[in-house]
């Protein structure tokens, strides 16, 4: 069985560190990749730019996606993912500080699987990241990606 990979798309170094710490603290032995802006995430997923040598068939099991990103925002990333047959079924969890109703509605309209507002409290944030990792990487059954 292939090792499940998580792609974290996060531009805030503090939130990145907290999320990585929470996932590793709870012994989720999965590979965690980080893209620090929307363009880097798209380049990774579609094997473009700095990632053009990467095998484009190797896709993450789940994507944790912030909305407020430089270069290409999270909603644009989600829209591109859902437009491509190869990436449209990858579970995407929007993990953001935005509680704006329009962001929630737009995320689901574009095909987000879940919308989670980042807790401000450190312990709550750690617990939220743990639960996300446990559910999406251990419990959730996803299709193998073959058409």
C-alpha atoms as a PDB file:
ATOM      1  CA  UNK A   1       0.000   0.000   0.000  1.00  0.00           C
ATOM      2  CA  UNK A   2       1.399   3.392  -1.006  1.00  0.00           C
ATOM      3  CA  UNK A   3       2.228   5.921   1.649  1.00  0.00           C
ATOM      4  CA  UNK A   4      -0.406   8.651   1.831  1.00  0.00           C
ATOM      5  CA  UNK A   5       0.820  12.186   1.291  1.00  0.00           C
ATOM      6  CA  UNK A   6      -0.721  15.404   2.583  1.00  0.00           C
ATOM      7  CA  UNK A   7      -0.165  18.717   0.787  1.00  0.00           C
ATOM      8  CA  UNK A   8      -0.347  21.746   3.074  1.00  0.00           C
ATOM      9  CA  UNK A   9      -0.802  25.010   1.173  1.00  0.00           C
ATOM     10  CA  UNK A  10      -0.028  27.726   3.715  1.00  0.00           C
ATOM     11  CA  UNK A  11       1.827  31.039   3.457  1.00  0.00           C
ATOM     12  CA  UNK A  12       1.880  31.903   7.176  1.00  0.00           C
ATOM     13  CA  UNK A  13       5.053  30.400   8.714  1.00  0.00           C
ATOM     14  CA  UNK A  14       3.475  30.248  12.194  1.00  0.00           C
ATOM     15  CA  UNK A  15       0.385  28.391  10.973  1.00  0.00           C
ATOM     16  CA  UNK A  16       2.580  26.078   8.895  1.00  0.00           C
ATOM     17  CA  UNK A  17       4.730  25.246  11.927  1.00  0.00           C
ATOM     18  CA  UNK A  18       1.683  24.665  14.143  1.00  0.00           C
ATOM     19  CA  UNK A  19       0.009  22.406  11.603  1.00  0.00           C
ATOM     20  CA  UNK A  20       3.159  20.369  11.007  1.00  0.00           C
ATOM     21  CA  UNK A  21       3.758  20.098  14.741  1.00  0.00           C
ATOM     22  CA  UNK A  22       0.205  18.919  15.377  1.00  0.00           C
ATOM     23  CA  UNK A  23       0.310  16.293  12.641  1.00  0.00           C
ATOM     24  CA  UNK A  24       3.704  14.968  13.703  1.00  0.00           C
ATOM     25  CA  UNK A  25       2.863  15.129  17.408  1.00  0.00           C
ATOM     26  CA  UNK A  26       0.144  12.568  16.845  1.00  0.00           C
ATOM     27  CA  UNK A  27       2.406  10.202  14.920  1.00  0.00           C
ATOM     28  CA  UNK A  28       0.720  10.496  11.566  1.00  0.00           C
ATOM     29  CA  UNK A  29       3.547   8.841   9.647  1.00  0.00           C
ATOM     30  CA  UNK A  30       2.546  10.376   6.366  1.00  0.00           C
ATOM     31  CA  UNK A  31       4.683  12.499   4.123  1.00  0.00           C
ATOM     32  CA  UNK A  32       3.715  16.159   4.469  1.00  0.00           C
ATOM     33  CA  UNK A  33       4.588  18.507   1.640  1.00  0.00           C
ATOM     34  CA  UNK A  34       4.283  22.276   1.958  1.00  0.00           C
ATOM     35  CA  UNK A  35       3.534  24.831  -0.747  1.00  0.00           C
ATOM     36  CA  UNK A  36       3.833  28.418   0.456  1.00  0.00           C
ATOM     37  CA  UNK A  37       1.670  30.073  -2.188  1.00  0.00           C
ATOM     38  CA  UNK A  38      -1.026  29.099  -4.646  1.00  0.00           C
ATOM     39  CA  UNK A  39       1.255  29.049  -7.669  1.00  0.00           C
ATOM     40  CA  UNK A  40       3.684  26.675  -5.965  1.00  0.00           C
ATOM     41  CA  UNK A  41       0.762  24.368  -5.123  1.00  0.00           C
ATOM     42  CA  UNK A  42      -0.404  24.335  -8.743  1.00  0.00           C
ATOM     43  CA  UNK A  43       3.137  23.802 -10.016  1.00  0.00           C
ATOM     44  CA  UNK A  44       3.516  20.820  -7.687  1.00  0.00           C
ATOM     45  CA  UNK A  45       0.146  19.275  -8.523  1.00  0.00           C
ATOM     46  CA  UNK A  46       0.512  19.668 -12.278  1.00  0.00           C
ATOM     47  CA  UNK A  47       4.292  19.015 -12.441  1.00  0.00           C
ATOM     48  CA  UNK A  48       5.091  22.454 -13.820  1.00  0.00           C
ATOM     49  CA  UNK A  49       7.748  25.085 -13.084  1.00  0.00           C
ATOM     50  CA  UNK A  50      10.227  23.920 -10.436  1.00  0.00           C
ATOM     51  CA  UNK A  51       8.329  20.608 -10.212  1.00  0.00           C
ATOM     52  CA  UNK A  52       8.369  19.720 -13.926  1.00  0.00           C
ATOM     53  CA  UNK A  53      10.591  16.680 -13.215  1.00  0.00           C
ATOM     54  CA  UNK A  54       8.106  15.298 -10.665  1.00  0.00           C
ATOM     55  CA  UNK A  55       5.891  12.328 -11.557  1.00  0.00           C
ATOM     56  CA  UNK A  56       2.472  13.963 -12.103  1.00  0.00           C
ATOM     57  CA  UNK A  57       0.713  10.670 -11.344  1.00  0.00           C
ATOM     58  CA  UNK A  58       1.820  10.855  -7.698  1.00  0.00           C
ATOM     59  CA  UNK A  59      -0.875  12.978  -6.083  1.00  0.00           C
ATOM     60  CA  UNK A  60      -1.549  13.801  -2.443  1.00  0.00           C
ATOM     61  CA  UNK A  61      -4.241  11.943  -0.518  1.00  0.00           C
ATOM     62  CA  UNK A  62      -5.577  15.249   0.807  1.00  0.00           C
ATOM     63  CA  UNK A  63      -4.871  18.953   0.445  1.00  0.00           C
ATOM     64  CA  UNK A  64      -5.154  21.410   3.356  1.00  0.00           C
ATOM     65  CA  UNK A  65      -5.681  24.717   1.569  1.00  0.00           C
ATOM     66  CA  UNK A  66      -5.532  28.230   2.974  1.00  0.00           C
ATOM     67  CA  UNK A  67      -7.588  30.801   1.061  1.00  0.00           C
ATOM     68  CA  UNK A  68      -5.571  33.962   1.555  1.00  0.00           C
ATOM     69  CA  UNK A  69      -2.449  33.107  -0.446  1.00  0.00           C
ATOM     70  CA  UNK A  70       0.015  35.171  -2.470  1.00  0.00           C
ATOM     71  CA  UNK A  71       0.319  34.867  -6.269  1.00  0.00           C
ATOM     72  CA  UNK A  72      -2.753  32.636  -6.745  1.00  0.00           C
ATOM     73  CA  UNK A  73      -5.404  32.592  -4.028  1.00  0.00           C
ATOM     74  CA  UNK A  74      -6.885  29.424  -2.566  1.00  0.00           C
ATOM     75  CA  UNK A  75     -10.186  29.727  -4.407  1.00  0.00           C
ATOM     76  CA  UNK A  76      -8.337  29.914  -7.729  1.00  0.00           C
ATOM     77  CA  UNK A  77      -6.295  26.848  -6.757  1.00  0.00           C
ATOM     78  CA  UNK A  78      -9.500  24.970  -5.896  1.00  0.00           C
ATOM     79  CA  UNK A  79     -11.143  26.021  -9.146  1.00  0.00           C
ATOM     80  CA  UNK A  80      -8.188  24.732 -11.193  1.00  0.00           C
ATOM     81  CA  UNK A  81      -8.084  21.450  -9.265  1.00  0.00           C
ATOM     82  CA  UNK A  82     -11.749  20.769  -9.888  1.00  0.00           C
ATOM     83  CA  UNK A  83     -11.470  21.663 -13.581  1.00  0.00           C
ATOM     84  CA  UNK A  84      -8.904  18.920 -14.253  1.00  0.00           C
ATOM     85  CA  UNK A  85     -10.043  15.267 -14.409  1.00  0.00           C
ATOM     86  CA  UNK A  86      -6.814  14.007 -12.808  1.00  0.00           C
ATOM     87  CA  UNK A  87      -7.149  16.208  -9.707  1.00  0.00           C
ATOM     88  CA  UNK A  88     -10.880  16.759  -9.318  1.00  0.00           C
ATOM     89  CA  UNK A  89     -11.350  13.944  -6.775  1.00  0.00           C
ATOM     90  CA  UNK A  90      -8.502  14.861  -4.417  1.00  0.00           C
ATOM     91  CA  UNK A  91     -10.125  15.792  -1.102  1.00  0.00           C
ATOM     92  CA  UNK A  92      -9.564  19.470  -0.362  1.00  0.00           C
ATOM     93  CA  UNK A  93     -10.025  20.831   3.137  1.00  0.00           C
ATOM     94  CA  UNK A  94     -10.103  24.598   3.252  1.00  0.00           C
ATOM     95  CA  UNK A  95      -8.201  25.471   6.430  1.00  0.00           C
ATOM     96  CA  UNK A  96      -8.363  29.227   6.815  1.00  0.00           C
ATOM     97  CA  UNK A  97      -8.846  32.081   9.246  1.00  0.00           C
ATOM     98  CA  UNK A  98     -11.698  33.484   7.145  1.00  0.00           C
ATOM     99  CA  UNK A  99     -15.189  33.152   8.563  1.00  0.00           C
ATOM    100  CA  UNK A 100     -16.716  35.214   5.751  1.00  0.00           C
ATOM    101  CA  UNK A 101     -19.917  33.600   4.500  1.00  0.00           C
ATOM    102  CA  UNK A 102     -18.970  34.343   0.870  1.00  0.00           C
ATOM    103  CA  UNK A 103     -15.685  32.408   1.297  1.00  0.00           C
ATOM    104  CA  UNK A 104     -17.516  29.434   2.794  1.00  0.00           C
ATOM    105  CA  UNK A 105     -20.165  29.402   0.048  1.00  0.00           C
ATOM    106  CA  UNK A 106     -17.643  29.895  -2.755  1.00  0.00           C
ATOM    107  CA  UNK A 107     -15.389  27.140  -1.376  1.00  0.00           C
ATOM    108  CA  UNK A 108     -18.230  24.630  -1.398  1.00  0.00           C
ATOM    109  CA  UNK A 109     -19.469  25.848  -4.790  1.00  0.00           C
ATOM    110  CA  UNK A 110     -15.999  25.132  -6.185  1.00  0.00           C
ATOM    111  CA  UNK A 111     -15.957  21.625  -4.710  1.00  0.00           C
ATOM    112  CA  UNK A 112     -14.261  21.858  -1.308  1.00  0.00           C
ATOM    113  CA  UNK A 113     -14.840  18.729   0.762  1.00  0.00           C
ATOM    114  CA  UNK A 114     -14.693  20.577   4.056  1.00  0.00           C
ATOM    115  CA  UNK A 115     -14.261  24.105   5.413  1.00  0.00           C
ATOM    116  CA  UNK A 116     -12.487  24.526   8.738  1.00  0.00           C
ATOM    117  CA  UNK A 117     -11.799  27.860  10.359  1.00  0.00           C
ATOM    118  CA  UNK A 118      -8.426  27.932  12.064  1.00  0.00           C
ATOM    119  CA  UNK A 119      -8.897  28.162  15.806  1.00  0.00           C
ATOM    120  CA  UNK A 120      -7.093  31.071  17.469  1.00  0.00           C
ATOM    121  CA  UNK A 121      -6.304  29.056  20.606  1.00  0.00           C
ATOM    122  CA  UNK A 122      -3.097  27.007  20.316  1.00  0.00           C
ATOM    123  CA  UNK A 123      -4.487  23.798  21.873  1.00  0.00           C
ATOM    124  CA  UNK A 124      -7.658  23.995  19.780  1.00  0.00           C
ATOM    125  CA  UNK A 125      -5.541  24.470  16.656  1.00  0.00           C
ATOM    126  CA  UNK A 126      -3.412  21.438  17.534  1.00  0.00           C
ATOM    127  CA  UNK A 127      -6.537  19.340  18.120  1.00  0.00           C
ATOM    128  CA  UNK A 128      -8.179  20.504  14.876  1.00  0.00           C
ATOM    129  CA  UNK A 129      -5.061  19.589  12.872  1.00  0.00           C
ATOM    130  CA  UNK A 130      -4.877  16.199  14.600  1.00  0.00           C
ATOM    131  CA  UNK A 131      -8.499  15.417  13.788  1.00  0.00           C
ATOM    132  CA  UNK A 132      -8.103  16.519  10.176  1.00  0.00           C
ATOM    133  CA  UNK A 133      -5.048  14.321   9.731  1.00  0.00           C
ATOM    134  CA  UNK A 134      -6.677  11.346  11.411  1.00  0.00           C
ATOM    135  CA  UNK A 135      -9.870  11.574   9.383  1.00  0.00           C
ATOM    136  CA  UNK A 136      -8.465  12.352   5.927  1.00  0.00           C
ATOM    137  CA  UNK A 137      -5.316  10.218   6.080  1.00  0.00           C
ATOM    138  CA  UNK A 138      -6.444   7.241   8.169  1.00  0.00           C
ATOM    139  CA  UNK A 139     -10.228   6.878   8.156  1.00  0.00           C
ATOM    140  CA  UNK A 140     -11.365   8.311   4.834  1.00  0.00           C
ATOM    141  CA  UNK A 141     -11.572   5.953   1.845  1.00  0.00           C
ATOM    142  CA  UNK A 142     -10.798   7.702  -1.433  1.00  0.00           C
ATOM    143  CA  UNK A 143     -10.915   6.364  -4.976  1.00  0.00           C
ATOM    144  CA  UNK A 144      -7.539   5.293  -6.356  1.00  0.00           C
ATOM    145  CA  UNK A 145      -7.592   8.059  -8.980  1.00  0.00           C
ATOM    146  CA  UNK A 146      -7.841   5.818 -12.003  1.00  0.00           C
ATOM    147  CA  UNK A 147     -10.604   6.688 -14.455  1.00  0.00           C
END
